[in-house]
PDB file of N, CA and C in Angstrom:
ATOM      1  N   MET A   1       7.759  10.401   9.187  1.00  0.00           N
ATOM      2  CA  MET A   1       8.064  11.191   7.745  1.00  0.00           C
ATOM      3  C   MET A   1       9.528  11.456   7.925  1.00  0.00           C
ATOM      4  N   ASN A   2      10.248  11.678   6.619  1.00  0.00           N
ATOM      5  CA  ASN A   2      11.457  11.326   6.374  1.00  0.00           C
ATOM      6  C   ASN A   2      11.429  13.391   6.125  1.00  0.00           C
ATOM      7  N   ALA A   3      12.473  13.262   6.952  1.00  0.00           N
ATOM      8  CA  ALA A   3      13.442  14.717   6.611  1.00  0.00           C
ATOM      9  C   ALA A   3      13.143  15.200   6.041  1.00  0.00           C
ATOM     10  N   ASP A   4      13.580  14.621   4.167  1.00  0.00           N
ATOM     11  CA  ASP A   4      14.066  15.629   3.352  1.00  0.00           C
ATOM     12  C   ASP A   4      12.169  14.872   2.980  1.00  0.00           C
ATOM     13  N   THR A   5      11.391  15.063   3.464  1.00  0.00           N
ATOM     14  CA  THR A   5       9.918  15.259   2.992  1.00  0.00           C
ATOM     15  C   THR A   5       9.515  15.960   3.311  1.00  0.00           C
ATOM     16  N   LYS A   6       9.583  16.556   4.715  1.00  0.00           N
ATOM     17  CA  LYS A   6       8.835  17.631   5.874  1.00  0.00           C
ATOM     18  C   LYS A   6       8.505  18.886   4.908  1.00  0.00           C
ATOM     19  N   GLY A   7       7.377  19.215   4.928  1.00  0.00           N
ATOM     20  CA  GLY A   7       7.218  20.418   4.140  1.00  0.00           C
ATOM     21  C   GLY A   7       7.236  19.748   2.785  1.00  0.00           C
ATOM     22  N   SER A   8       7.560  19.359   2.227  1.00  0.00           N
ATOM     23  CA  SER A   8       7.528  18.535   0.517  1.00  0.00           C
ATOM     24  C   SER A   8       6.502  19.823  -0.157  1.00  0.00           C
ATOM     25  N   PHE A   9       5.694  19.821   0.808  1.00  0.00           N
ATOM     26  CA  PHE A   9       4.515  19.896  -0.196  1.00  0.00           C
ATOM     27  C   PHE A   9       3.710  21.302   0.143  1.00  0.00           C
ATOM     28  N   GLY A  10       4.921  22.384   0.412  1.00  0.00           N
ATOM     29  CA  GLY A  10       5.243  23.362   0.887  1.00  0.00           C
ATOM     30  C   GLY A  10       4.130  23.930   1.830  1.00  0.00           C
ATOM     31  N   PRO A  11       2.930  25.212   1.312  1.00  0.00           N
ATOM     32  CA  PRO A  11       2.048  26.158   2.385  1.00  0.00           C
ATOM     33  C   PRO A  11       1.219  24.698   3.015  1.00  0.00           C
ATOM     34  N   LEU A  12       0.147  24.101   3.624  1.00  0.00           N
ATOM     35  CA  LEU A  12      -0.509  23.489   3.699  1.00  0.00           C
ATOM     36  C   LEU A  12      -1.633  23.523   2.267  1.00  0.00           C
ATOM     37  N   PRO A  13      -1.936  22.066   2.101  1.00  0.00           N
ATOM     38  CA  PRO A  13      -2.622  21.622   1.096  1.00  0.00           C
ATOM     39  C   PRO A  13      -3.940  22.199   0.946  1.00  0.00           C
ATOM     40  N   ASP A  14      -4.504  22.623  -0.292  1.00  0.00           N
ATOM     41  CA  ASP A  14      -6.011  23.212   0.227  1.00  0.00           C
ATOM     42  C   ASP A  14      -7.246  21.906  -0.029  1.00  0.00           C
ATOM     43  N   GLY A  15      -8.692  21.956   0.182  1.00  0.00           N
ATOM     44  CA  GLY A  15      -9.301  21.367   0.429  1.00  0.00           C
ATOM     45  C   GLY A  15      -9.078  20.238   0.504  1.00  0.00           C
ATOM     46  N   GLN A  16      -9.665  20.342  -1.695  1.00  0.00           N
ATOM     47  CA  GLN A  16      -9.700  19.254  -2.283  1.00  0.00           C
ATOM     48  C   GLN A  16      -8.594  17.941  -2.064  1.00  0.00           C
ATOM     49  N   TYR A  17      -7.284  18.256  -1.660  1.00  0.00           N
ATOM     50  CA  TYR A  17      -6.425  17.235  -1.382  1.00  0.00           C
ATOM     51  C   TYR A  17      -6.301  17.034  -0.319  1.00  0.00           C
ATOM     52  N   VAL A  18      -6.973  17.551   0.728  1.00  0.00           N
ATOM     53  CA  VAL A  18      -6.600  16.436   2.241  1.00  0.00           C
ATOM     54  C   VAL A  18      -7.803  15.755   2.183  1.00  0.00           C
ATOM     55  N   GLU A  19      -9.409  15.718   1.370  1.00  0.00           N
ATOM     56  CA  GLU A  19     -10.295  15.142   1.144  1.00  0.00           C
ATOM     57  C   GLU A  19      -9.944  13.935   0.183  1.00  0.00           C
ATOM     58  N   LEU A  20      -9.332  14.443  -0.335  1.00  0.00           N
ATOM     59  CA  LEU A  20      -8.491  13.259  -1.816  1.00  0.00           C
ATOM     60  C   LEU A  20      -7.764  12.309  -0.432  1.00  0.00           C
ATOM     61  N   ALA A  21      -6.998  12.943   0.561  1.00  0.00           N
ATOM     62  CA  ALA A  21      -6.399  12.178   0.998  1.00  0.00           C
ATOM     63  C   ALA A  21      -6.626  11.161   2.073  1.00  0.00           C
ATOM     64  N   VAL A  22      -8.132  11.683   2.698  1.00  0.00           N
ATOM     65  CA  VAL A  22      -8.725  11.304   3.354  1.00  0.00           C
ATOM     66  C   VAL A  22      -9.269   9.806   2.360  1.00  0.00           C
ATOM     67  N   GLU A  23      -9.666   9.884   1.481  1.00  0.00           N
ATOM     68  CA  GLU A  23      -9.704   8.769   0.686  1.00  0.00           C
ATOM     69  C   GLU A  23      -8.737   7.762   0.169  1.00  0.00           C
ATOM     70  N   VAL A  24      -7.421   8.301   0.293  1.00  0.00           N
ATOM     71  CA  VAL A  24      -6.433   7.158   0.247  1.00  0.00           C
ATOM     72  C   VAL A  24      -6.463   6.562   1.422  1.00  0.00           C
ATOM     73  N   PHE A  25      -6.204   6.978   2.590  1.00  0.00           N
ATOM     74  CA  PHE A  25      -6.124   6.235   3.846  1.00  0.00           C
ATOM     75  C   PHE A  25      -7.481   5.286   4.262  1.00  0.00           C
ATOM     76  N   ALA A  26      -8.573   5.927   3.276  1.00  0.00           N
ATOM     77  CA  ALA A  26      -9.477   4.943   3.506  1.00  0.00           C
ATOM     78  C   ALA A  26      -9.547   3.891   3.121  1.00  0.00           C
ATOM     79  N   MET A  27      -8.973   3.844   1.651  1.00  0.00           N
ATOM     80  CA  MET A  27      -8.650   2.853   0.971  1.00  0.00           C
ATOM     81  C   MET A  27      -7.882   2.358   1.555  1.00  0.00           C
ATOM     82  N   LEU A  28      -6.633   2.146   2.144  1.00  0.00           N
ATOM     83  CA  LEU A  28      -5.615   1.339   2.588  1.00  0.00           C
ATOM     84  C   LEU A  28      -6.402   0.885   3.950  1.00  0.00           C
ATOM     85  N   ALA A  29      -7.317   1.186   4.575  1.00  0.00           N
ATOM     86  CA  ALA A  29      -8.092   0.746   5.957  1.00  0.00           C
ATOM     87  C   ALA A  29      -8.665  -0.386   5.358  1.00  0.00           C
ATOM     88  N   ASP A  30      -7.727  -1.864   5.176  1.00  0.00           N
ATOM     89  CA  ASP A  30      -7.825  -3.055   4.835  1.00  0.00           C
ATOM     90  C   ASP A  30      -7.049  -3.971   5.106  1.00  0.00           C
ATOM     91  N   ALA A  31      -7.372  -4.717   5.714  1.00  0.00           N
ATOM     92  CA  ALA A  31      -6.047  -5.771   5.785  1.00  0.00           C
ATOM     93  C   ALA A  31      -5.560  -6.367   4.525  1.00  0.00           C
ATOM     94  N   THR A  32      -6.386  -6.783   3.809  1.00  0.00           N
ATOM     95  CA  THR A  32      -6.495  -7.157   2.404  1.00  0.00           C
ATOM     96  C   THR A  32      -5.871  -6.658   1.251  1.00  0.00           C
ATOM     97  N   ARG A  33      -6.358  -5.041   1.687  1.00  0.00           N
ATOM     98  CA  ARG A  33      -5.100  -4.409   0.409  1.00  0.00           C
ATOM     99  C   ARG A  33      -4.467  -4.140   1.005  1.00  0.00           C
ATOM    100  N   VAL A  34      -3.906  -4.424   2.365  1.00  0.00           N
ATOM    101  CA  VAL A  34      -2.634  -4.087   2.834  1.00  0.00           C
ATOM    102  C   VAL A  34      -1.896  -4.958   2.827  1.00  0.00           C
ATOM    103  N   ARG A  35      -1.759  -5.908   2.547  1.00  0.00           N
ATOM    104  CA  ARG A  35      -1.307  -7.755   2.302  1.00  0.00           C
ATOM    105  C   ARG A  35      -1.129  -7.701   0.546  1.00  0.00           C
ATOM    106  N   LEU A  36      -1.965  -6.657  -0.019  1.00  0.00           N
ATOM    107  CA  LEU A  36      -2.071  -6.763  -1.463  1.00  0.00           C
ATOM    108  C   LEU A  36      -0.770  -5.948  -1.682  1.00  0.00           C
ATOM    109  N   ILE A  37      -0.825  -5.236  -1.296  1.00  0.00           N
ATOM    110  CA  ILE A  37       0.136  -3.606  -1.594  1.00  0.00           C
ATOM    111  C   ILE A  37       1.602  -4.289  -1.389  1.00  0.00           C
ATOM    112  N   LEU A  38       1.526  -5.058  -0.142  1.00  0.00           N
ATOM    113  CA  LEU A  38       3.088  -5.310  -0.019  1.00  0.00           C
ATOM    114  C   LEU A  38       3.422  -6.194  -0.542  1.00  0.00           C
ATOM    115  N   ALA A  39       2.525  -6.997  -1.232  1.00  0.00           N
ATOM    116  CA  ALA A  39       3.088  -8.522  -1.699  1.00  0.00           C
ATOM    117  C   ALA A  39       3.165  -7.873  -3.115  1.00  0.00           C
ATOM    118  N   LEU A  40       2.532  -6.564  -3.895  1.00  0.00           N
ATOM    119  CA  LEU A  40       3.465  -6.090  -5.301  1.00  0.00           C
ATOM    120  C   LEU A  40       4.259  -5.631  -4.513  1.00  0.00           C
ATOM    121  N   ASN A  41       4.237  -4.642  -4.053  1.00  0.00           N
ATOM    122  CA  ASN A  41       5.935  -4.316  -3.557  1.00  0.00           C
ATOM    123  C   ASN A  41       7.192  -5.641  -3.607  1.00  0.00           C
ATOM    124  N   GLU A  42       6.704  -6.499  -2.891  1.00  0.00           N
ATOM    125  CA  GLU A  42       8.070  -7.574  -3.412  1.00  0.00           C
ATOM    126  C   GLU A  42       8.191  -7.638  -4.624  1.00  0.00           C
ATOM    127  N   HIS A  43       7.185  -8.389  -4.918  1.00  0.00           N
ATOM    128  CA  HIS A  43       7.162  -8.950  -6.209  1.00  0.00           C
ATOM    129  C   HIS A  43       6.890  -8.627  -7.230  1.00  0.00           C
ATOM    130  N   GLY A  44       6.829  -7.490  -7.676  1.00  0.00           N
ATOM    131  CA  GLY A  44       6.418  -6.174  -8.972  1.00  0.00           C
ATOM    132  C   GLY A  44       5.354  -6.672  -9.305  1.00  0.00           C
ATOM    133  N   GLU A  45       4.995  -7.553  -9.904  1.00  0.00           N
ATOM    134  CA  GLU A  45       3.626  -7.922 -10.762  1.00  0.00           C
ATOM    135  C   GLU A  45       3.332  -9.366 -10.569  1.00  0.00           C
ATOM    136  N   LEU A  46       1.989  -9.424 -10.074  1.00  0.00           N
ATOM    137  CA  LEU A  46       1.504 -11.021  -9.984  1.00  0.00           C
ATOM    138  C   LEU A  46      -0.224 -10.938  -9.909  1.00  0.00           C
ATOM    139  N   ALA A  47      -0.433 -11.822 -10.589  1.00  0.00           N
ATOM    140  CA  ALA A  47      -1.698 -12.208 -11.157  1.00  0.00           C
ATOM    141  C   ALA A  47      -2.621 -12.813 -10.218  1.00  0.00           C
ATOM    142  N   VAL A  48      -3.936 -12.144 -10.129  1.00  0.00           N
ATOM    143  CA  VAL A  48      -5.067 -12.606  -8.875  1.00  0.00           C
ATOM    144  C   VAL A  48      -4.593 -13.831  -8.238  1.00  0.00           C
ATOM    145  N   SER A  49      -4.702 -15.031  -9.199  1.00  0.00           N
ATOM    146  CA  SER A  49      -4.621 -16.308  -8.236  1.00  0.00           C
ATOM    147  C   SER A  49      -2.929 -16.266  -7.603  1.00  0.00           C
ATOM    148  N   GLN A  50      -2.131 -15.577  -7.804  1.00  0.00           N
ATOM    149  CA  GLN A  50      -0.439 -15.558  -6.986  1.00  0.00           C
ATOM    150  C   GLN A  50      -1.068 -15.046  -5.617  1.00  0.00           C
ATOM    151  N   LEU A  51      -1.875 -13.426  -5.815  1.00  0.00           N
ATOM    152  CA  LEU A  51      -2.462 -12.150  -4.910  1.00  0.00           C
ATOM    153  C   LEU A  51      -3.054 -12.826  -4.212  1.00  0.00           C
ATOM    154  N   ALA A  52      -4.174 -13.679  -4.290  1.00  0.00           N
ATOM    155  CA  ALA A  52      -5.232 -14.677  -3.735  1.00  0.00           C
ATOM    156  C   ALA A  52      -4.130 -15.854  -2.668  1.00  0.00           C
ATOM    157  N   ASP A  53      -3.581 -16.196  -3.236  1.00  0.00           N
ATOM    158  CA  ASP A  53      -2.643 -17.169  -1.892  1.00  0.00           C
ATOM    159  C   ASP A  53      -2.063 -16.013  -1.049  1.00  0.00           C
ATOM    160  N   VAL A  54      -1.672 -15.174  -1.398  1.00  0.00           N
ATOM    161  CA  VAL A  54      -0.040 -14.662  -0.185  1.00  0.00           C
ATOM    162  C   VAL A  54      -1.127 -13.480   0.533  1.00  0.00           C
ATOM    163  N   ALA A  55      -2.610 -13.442  -0.238  1.00  0.00           N
ATOM    164  CA  ALA A  55      -3.650 -12.715   1.607  1.00  0.00           C
ATOM    165  C   ALA A  55      -4.350 -13.804   1.913  1.00  0.00           C
ATOM    166  N   GLY A  56      -4.187 -15.343   1.109  1.00  0.00           N
ATOM    167  CA  GLY A  56      -5.218 -16.203   1.973  1.00  0.00           C
ATOM    168  C   GLY A  56      -6.436 -16.016   1.656  1.00  0.00           C
ATOM    169  N   LYS A  57      -6.918 -15.305   0.544  1.00  0.00           N
ATOM    170  CA  LYS A  57      -8.540 -14.919   0.109  1.00  0.00           C
ATOM    171  C   LYS A  57      -8.930 -15.611  -0.868  1.00  0.00           C
ATOM    172  N   SER A  58      -9.645 -15.702  -0.863  1.00  0.00           N
ATOM    173  CA  SER A  58     -10.844 -16.412  -2.507  1.00  0.00           C
ATOM    174  C   SER A  58     -10.113 -15.236  -3.813  1.00  0.00           C
ATOM    175  N   PRO A  59      -9.464 -15.970  -4.877  1.00  0.00           N
ATOM    176  CA  PRO A  59      -9.835 -15.181  -6.030  1.00  0.00           C
ATOM    177  C   PRO A  59     -10.779 -13.650  -6.092  1.00  0.00           C
ATOM    178  N   ALA A  60     -12.039 -14.267  -6.312  1.00  0.00           N
ATOM    179  CA  ALA A  60     -12.936 -13.438  -6.263  1.00  0.00           C
ATOM    180  C   ALA A  60     -12.901 -12.504  -5.527  1.00  0.00           C
ATOM    181  N   ALA A  61     -12.211 -12.956  -4.023  1.00  0.00           N
ATOM    182  CA  ALA A  61     -12.666 -11.413  -3.336  1.00  0.00           C
ATOM    183  C   ALA A  61     -11.125 -10.776  -3.513  1.00  0.00           C
ATOM    184  N   VAL A  62     -10.276 -10.818  -3.591  1.00  0.00           N
ATOM    185  CA  VAL A  62      -8.887 -10.342  -3.808  1.00  0.00           C
ATOM    186  C   VAL A  62      -9.914  -9.646  -5.855  1.00  0.00           C
ATOM    187  N   SER A  63      -9.678 -10.211  -6.672  1.00  0.00           N
ATOM    188  CA  SER A  63     -10.048  -9.544  -7.664  1.00  0.00           C
ATOM    189  C   SER A  63     -11.271  -8.065  -7.249  1.00  0.00           C
ATOM    190  N   GLN A  64     -11.931  -7.847  -6.367  1.00  0.00           N
ATOM    191  CA  GLN A  64     -12.948  -7.000  -5.842  1.00  0.00           C
ATOM    192  C   GLN A  64     -12.272  -6.112  -5.090  1.00  0.00           C
ATOM    193  N   HIS A  65     -10.748  -6.186  -4.387  1.00  0.00           N
ATOM    194  CA  HIS A  65      -9.972  -5.358  -3.705  1.00  0.00           C
ATOM    195  C   HIS A  65      -9.140  -5.070  -4.892  1.00  0.00           C
ATOM    196  N   LEU A  66      -8.858  -6.251  -5.278  1.00  0.00           N
ATOM    197  CA  LEU A  66      -7.858  -4.777  -6.690  1.00  0.00           C
ATOM    198  C   LEU A  66      -8.755  -3.948  -7.474  1.00  0.00           C
ATOM    199  N   ALA A  67     -10.046  -4.191  -7.725  1.00  0.00           N
ATOM    200  CA  ALA A  67     -10.436  -3.366  -8.925  1.00  0.00           C
ATOM    201  C   ALA A  67     -10.467  -1.877  -8.321  1.00  0.00           C
ATOM    202  N   LYS A  68     -10.782  -2.068  -6.447  1.00  0.00           N
ATOM    203  CA  LYS A  68     -10.905  -0.763  -5.447  1.00  0.00           C
ATOM    204  C   LYS A  68      -9.759  -0.044  -5.869  1.00  0.00           C
ATOM    205  N   LEU A  69      -8.803  -0.921  -5.382  1.00  0.00           N
ATOM    206  CA  LEU A  69      -7.155  -0.205  -5.685  1.00  0.00           C
ATOM    207  C   LEU A  69      -6.985   0.125  -7.367  1.00  0.00           C
ATOM    208  N   ARG A  70      -7.414  -0.201  -7.987  1.00  0.00           N
ATOM    209  CA  ARG A  70      -7.422  -0.103  -9.381  1.00  0.00           C
ATOM    210  C   ARG A  70      -8.137   1.626 -10.163  1.00  0.00           C
ATOM    211  N   LEU A  71      -9.343   1.453  -9.056  1.00  0.00           N
ATOM    212  CA  LEU A  71     -10.125   2.816  -9.284  1.00  0.00           C
ATOM    213  C   LEU A  71      -9.217   3.987  -8.493  1.00  0.00           C
ATOM    214  N   ALA A  72      -8.685   3.628  -7.235  1.00  0.00           N
ATOM    215  CA  ALA A  72      -8.181   4.777  -6.837  1.00  0.00           C
ATOM    216  C   ALA A  72      -6.484   4.663  -7.617  1.00  0.00           C
ATOM    217  N   ARG A  73      -6.711   4.022  -9.175  1.00  0.00           N
ATOM    218  CA  ARG A  73      -5.437   4.427  -9.084  1.00  0.00           C
ATOM    219  C   ARG A  73      -3.781   3.985  -8.593  1.00  0.00           C
ATOM    220  N   MET A  74      -3.649   3.055  -7.925  1.00  0.00           N
ATOM    221  CA  MET A  74      -2.831   2.734  -6.642  1.00  0.00           C
ATOM    222  C   MET A  74      -1.754   1.643  -7.281  1.00  0.00           C
ATOM    223  N   VAL A  75      -2.930   0.522  -8.141  1.00  0.00           N
ATOM    224  CA  VAL A  75      -2.642  -0.646  -9.407  1.00  0.00           C
ATOM    225  C   VAL A  75      -2.947  -0.570 -10.386  1.00  0.00           C
ATOM    226  N   SER A  76      -2.445  -1.167 -11.485  1.00  0.00           N
ATOM    227  CA  SER A  76      -2.495  -1.279 -12.890  1.00  0.00           C
ATOM    228  C   SER A  76      -2.377  -2.364 -13.652  1.00  0.00           C
ATOM    229  N   THR A  77      -2.870  -2.706 -14.381  1.00  0.00           N
ATOM    230  CA  THR A  77      -2.764  -4.284 -14.945  1.00  0.00           C
ATOM    231  C   THR A  77      -2.157  -3.526 -16.496  1.00  0.00           C
ATOM    232  N   ARG A  78      -1.611  -4.931 -16.472  1.00  0.00           N
ATOM    233  CA  ARG A  78      -0.886  -5.829 -17.855  1.00  0.00           C
ATOM    234  C   ARG A  78      -2.325  -7.015 -18.127  1.00  0.00           C
ATOM    235  N   HIS A  79      -1.986  -6.971 -19.433  1.00  0.00           N
ATOM    236  CA  HIS A  79      -2.965  -8.064 -20.269  1.00  0.00           C
ATOM    237  C   HIS A  79      -1.465  -9.162 -20.731  1.00  0.00           C
ATOM    238  N   ASP A  80      -1.812 -10.769 -20.319  1.00  0.00           N
ATOM    239  CA  ASP A  80      -1.120 -11.374 -21.386  1.00  0.00           C
ATOM    240  C   ASP A  80      -1.778 -12.875 -21.645  1.00  0.00           C
ATOM    241  N   GLY A  81      -2.245 -12.210 -22.612  1.00  0.00           N
ATOM    242  CA  GLY A  81      -3.803 -13.493 -22.875  1.00  0.00           C
ATOM    243  C   GLY A  81      -4.902 -13.501 -22.397  1.00  0.00           C
ATOM    244  N   THR A  82      -5.123 -14.565 -21.601  1.00  0.00           N
ATOM    245  CA  THR A  82      -6.420 -14.562 -20.484  1.00  0.00           C
ATOM    246  C   THR A  82      -6.271 -14.121 -19.219  1.00  0.00           C
ATOM    247  N   ARG A  83      -4.595 -14.212 -19.098  1.00  0.00           N
ATOM    248  CA  ARG A  83      -4.250 -13.476 -17.300  1.00  0.00           C
ATOM    249  C   ARG A  83      -4.082 -12.048 -17.263  1.00  0.00           C
ATOM    250  N   VAL A  84      -4.220 -11.542 -16.102  1.00  0.00           N
ATOM    251  CA  VAL A  84      -4.503 -10.170 -16.128  1.00  0.00           C
ATOM    252  C   VAL A  84      -3.328 -10.367 -15.115  1.00  0.00           C
ATOM    253  N   PHE A  85      -2.571  -9.200 -15.361  1.00  0.00           N
ATOM    254  CA  PHE A  85      -1.139  -9.052 -13.960  1.00  0.00           C
ATOM    255  C   PHE A  85      -1.211  -7.657 -13.075  1.00  0.00           C
ATOM    256  N   TYR A  86      -1.087  -7.517 -12.183  1.00  0.00           N
ATOM    257  CA  TYR A  86      -1.191  -6.281 -10.934  1.00  0.00           C
ATOM    258  C   TYR A  86       0.097  -5.762 -10.604  1.00  0.00           C
ATOM    259  N   ARG A  87       0.247  -4.652 -10.530  1.00  0.00           N
ATOM    260  CA  ARG A  87       1.672  -4.169 -10.471  1.00  0.00           C
ATOM    261  C   ARG A  87       1.055  -2.907  -9.374  1.00  0.00           C
ATOM    262  N   LEU A  88       2.236  -2.168  -9.169  1.00  0.00           N
ATOM    263  CA  LEU A  88       1.408  -0.968  -7.956  1.00  0.00           C
ATOM    264  C   LEU A  88       1.862   0.174  -9.682  1.00  0.00           C
ATOM    265  N   THR A  89       1.009   1.221  -9.101  1.00  0.00           N
ATOM    266  CA  THR A  89       1.591   2.005  -9.648  1.00  0.00           C
ATOM    267  C   THR A  89       2.415   3.198  -9.265  1.00  0.00           C
ATOM    268  N   ASP A  90       2.574   3.264  -8.538  1.00  0.00           N
ATOM    269  CA  ASP A  90       4.427   4.195  -7.816  1.00  0.00           C
ATOM    270  C   ASP A  90       4.363   3.426  -6.468  1.00  0.00           C
ATOM    271  N   GLU A  91       5.290   4.450  -6.345  1.00  0.00           N
ATOM    272  CA  GLU A  91       6.073   4.105  -4.643  1.00  0.00           C
ATOM    273  C   GLU A  91       5.328   4.270  -3.717  1.00  0.00           C
ATOM    274  N   HIS A  92       4.043   5.584  -3.686  1.00  0.00           N
ATOM    275  CA  HIS A  92       3.622   6.480  -2.516  1.00  0.00           C
ATOM    276  C   HIS A  92       2.777   5.092  -1.886  1.00  0.00           C
ATOM    277  N   ALA A  93       1.526   4.136  -2.465  1.00  0.00           N
ATOM    278  CA  ALA A  93       1.124   3.326  -1.545  1.00  0.00           C
ATOM    279  C   ALA A  93       1.606   2.314  -0.517  1.00  0.00           C
ATOM    280  N   THR A  94       3.431   1.933  -1.055  1.00  0.00           N
ATOM    281  CA  THR A  94       4.092   1.257  -0.574  1.00  0.00           C
ATOM    282  C   THR A  94       4.762   2.231   0.595  1.00  0.00           C
ATOM    283  N   GLN A  95       4.772   3.388   0.601  1.00  0.00           N
ATOM    284  CA  GLN A  95       5.264   3.944   1.437  1.00  0.00           C
ATOM    285  C   GLN A  95       4.020   4.569   2.487  1.00  0.00           C
ATOM    286  N   LEU A  96       3.162   4.714   2.586  1.00  0.00           N
ATOM    287  CA  LEU A  96       1.622   4.803   3.318  1.00  0.00           C
ATOM    288  C   LEU A  96       2.005   3.499   4.014  1.00  0.00           C
ATOM    289  N   VAL A  97       1.750   2.408   3.850  1.00  0.00           N
ATOM    290  CA  VAL A  97       1.608   1.369   4.278  1.00  0.00           C
ATOM    291  C   VAL A  97       2.781   1.022   4.802  1.00  0.00           C
ATOM    292  N   THR A  98       4.484   1.052   4.855  1.00  0.00           N
ATOM    293  CA  THR A  98       5.281   1.007   5.651  1.00  0.00           C
ATOM    294  C   THR A  98       5.543   1.807   6.745  1.00  0.00           C
ATOM    295  N   ASP A  99       5.146   3.243   6.016  1.00  0.00           N
ATOM    296  CA  ASP A  99       4.941   4.273   7.584  1.00  0.00           C
ATOM    297  C   ASP A  99       3.914   4.092   8.699  1.00  0.00           C
ATOM    298  N   ALA A 100       2.500   3.451   8.174  1.00  0.00           N
ATOM    299  CA  ALA A 100       1.482   2.757   8.776  1.00  0.00           C
ATOM    300  C   ALA A 100       2.005   1.500   9.701  1.00  0.00           C
ATOM    301  N   ILE A 101       2.855   1.034   9.180  1.00  0.00           N
ATOM    302  CA  ILE A 101       3.402  -0.083   9.948  1.00  0.00           C
ATOM    303  C   ILE A 101       4.591   0.019  10.569  1.00  0.00           C
ATOM    304  N   LEU A 102       5.416   0.735  10.755  1.00  0.00           N
ATOM    305  CA  LEU A 102       6.266   1.426  11.417  1.00  0.00           C
ATOM    306  C   LEU A 102       5.873   2.192  12.862  1.00  0.00           C
ATOM    307  N   GLN A 103       4.413   2.777  12.590  1.00  0.00           N
ATOM    308  CA  GLN A 103       3.500   3.704  13.708  1.00  0.00           C
ATOM    309  C   GLN A 103       2.975   2.576  14.353  1.00  0.00           C
ATOM    310  N   ALA A 104       2.504   1.621  13.883  1.00  0.00           N
ATOM    311  CA  ALA A 104       1.905  -0.084  14.528  1.00  0.00           C
ATOM    312  C   ALA A 104       2.964  -0.311  15.464  1.00  0.00           C
ATOM    313  N   GLU A 105       4.224  -0.515  14.862  1.00  0.00           N
ATOM    314  CA  GLU A 105       4.888  -1.143  15.862  1.00  0.00           C
ATOM    315  C   GLU A 105       5.172   0.026  17.649  1.00  0.00           C
ATOM    316  N   HIS A 106       5.316   0.823  16.911  1.00  0.00           N
ATOM    317  CA  HIS A 106       5.192   1.713  18.427  1.00  0.00           C
ATOM    318  C   HIS A 106       3.950   2.002  19.370  1.00  0.00           C
ATOM    319  N   SER A 107       2.779   1.391  18.916  1.00  0.00           N
ATOM    320  CA  SER A 107       1.975   0.963  19.601  1.00  0.00           C
ATOM    321  C   SER A 107       2.018  -0.685  20.269  1.00  0.00           C
ATOM    322  N   LEU A 108       2.612  -1.512  19.873  1.00  0.00           N
ATOM    323  CA  LEU A 108       2.546  -2.346  20.142  1.00  0.00           C
ATOM    324  C   LEU A 108       4.021  -2.642  21.248  1.00  0.00           C
ATOM    325  N   ASP A 109       5.059  -2.250  20.549  1.00  0.00           N
ATOM    326  CA  ASP A 109       6.382  -2.057  21.267  1.00  0.00           C
ATOM    327  C   ASP A 109       7.332  -1.144  22.158  1.00  0.00           C
ATOM    328  N   GLY A 110       7.694  -1.848  23.535  1.00  0.00           N
ATOM    329  CA  GLY A 110       7.834  -1.095  23.998  1.00  0.00           C
ATOM    330  C   GLY A 110       9.198   0.145  23.348  1.00  0.00           C
ATOM    331  N   THR A 111      10.242  -0.587  22.584  1.00  0.00           N
ATOM    332  CA  THR A 111      10.968  -0.044  21.472  1.00  0.00           C
ATOM    333  C   THR A 111      11.319  -0.720  20.478  1.00  0.00           C
ATOM    334  N   PRO A 112      10.502  -0.240  19.524  1.00  0.00           N
ATOM    335  CA  PRO A 112      10.068  -0.740  18.056  1.00  0.00           C
ATOM    336  C   PRO A 112      11.256  -0.902  17.717  1.00  0.00           C
ATOM    337  N   ARG A 113      10.810  -2.387  16.806  1.00  0.00           N
ATOM    338  CA  ARG A 113      11.869  -2.812  16.073  1.00  0.00           C
ATOM    339  C   ARG A 113      12.729  -1.924  15.015  1.00  0.00           C
ATOM    340  N   HIS A 114      12.125  -1.323  14.387  1.00  0.00           N
ATOM    341  CA  HIS A 114      13.172   0.072  13.589  1.00  0.00           C
ATOM    342  C   HIS A 114      13.827   1.057  14.086  1.00  0.00           C
ATOM    343  N   HIS A 115      13.827   0.907  15.413  1.00  0.00           N
ATOM    344  CA  HIS A 115      14.783   1.895  16.267  1.00  0.00           C
ATOM    345  C   HIS A 115      15.799   1.113  17.005  1.00  0.00           C
ATOM    346  N   HIS A 116      15.344  -0.521  16.946  1.00  0.00           N
ATOM    347  CA  HIS A 116      17.122  -0.823  17.286  1.00  0.00           C
ATOM    348  C   HIS A 116      18.388  -0.540  16.998  1.00  0.00           C
ATOM    349  N   PRO A 117      19.696  -0.938  17.287  1.00  0.00           N
ATOM    350  CA  PRO A 117      20.818  -0.310  15.966  1.00  0.00           C
ATOM    351  C   PRO A 117      20.242  -1.458  15.483  1.00  0.00           C
ATOM    352  N   GLY A 118      20.776  -0.859  13.816  1.00  0.00           N
ATOM    353  CA  GLY A 118      21.362  -1.737  13.188  1.00  0.00           C
ATOM    354  C   GLY A 118      20.289  -2.417  11.995  1.00  0.00           C
ATOM    355  N   ALA A 119      18.654  -1.969  13.012  1.00  0.00           N
ATOM    356  CA  ALA A 119      17.801  -2.766  11.933  1.00  0.00           C
ATOM    357  C   ALA A 119      17.274  -1.962  10.704  1.00  0.00           C
ATOM    358  N   GLY A 120      17.979  -0.534  10.357  1.00  0.00           N
ATOM    359  CA  GLY A 120      17.688  -0.505   9.027  1.00  0.00           C
ATOM    360  C   GLY A 120      16.394   0.248   8.131  1.00  0.00           C
ATOM    361  N   ALA A 121      15.499   0.015   9.317  1.00  0.00           N
ATOM    362  CA  ALA A 121      14.348   1.033   8.433  1.00  0.00           C
ATOM    363  C   ALA A 121      14.428   2.786   9.216  1.00  0.00           C
TER     364      ALA A 121
END
């Protein structure tokens, strides 16, 4: 957690926020959805077919994952004719995924990449 965000919510949140936070983590507990979040963060807005290529999954499978992310309000859509483009609703899903990847580096590496001098993360 960044020093500027520690305790930014003040006193401990009540139960409903904790329960919803658990649902957010459950939503992100899928490698395809994590890849979709990262792709949308990198490219801004992509169609299902483009996201399917990035994720290495069928467009039908990606559509199902995107529907879940949309219900969780992590992604939103824009229609252009018959094509639907997806984008991240805000920066929070990306931050959660980035933090999880940085935490994973601690599990896999002696000295994680982001702790090396000049790493920038």
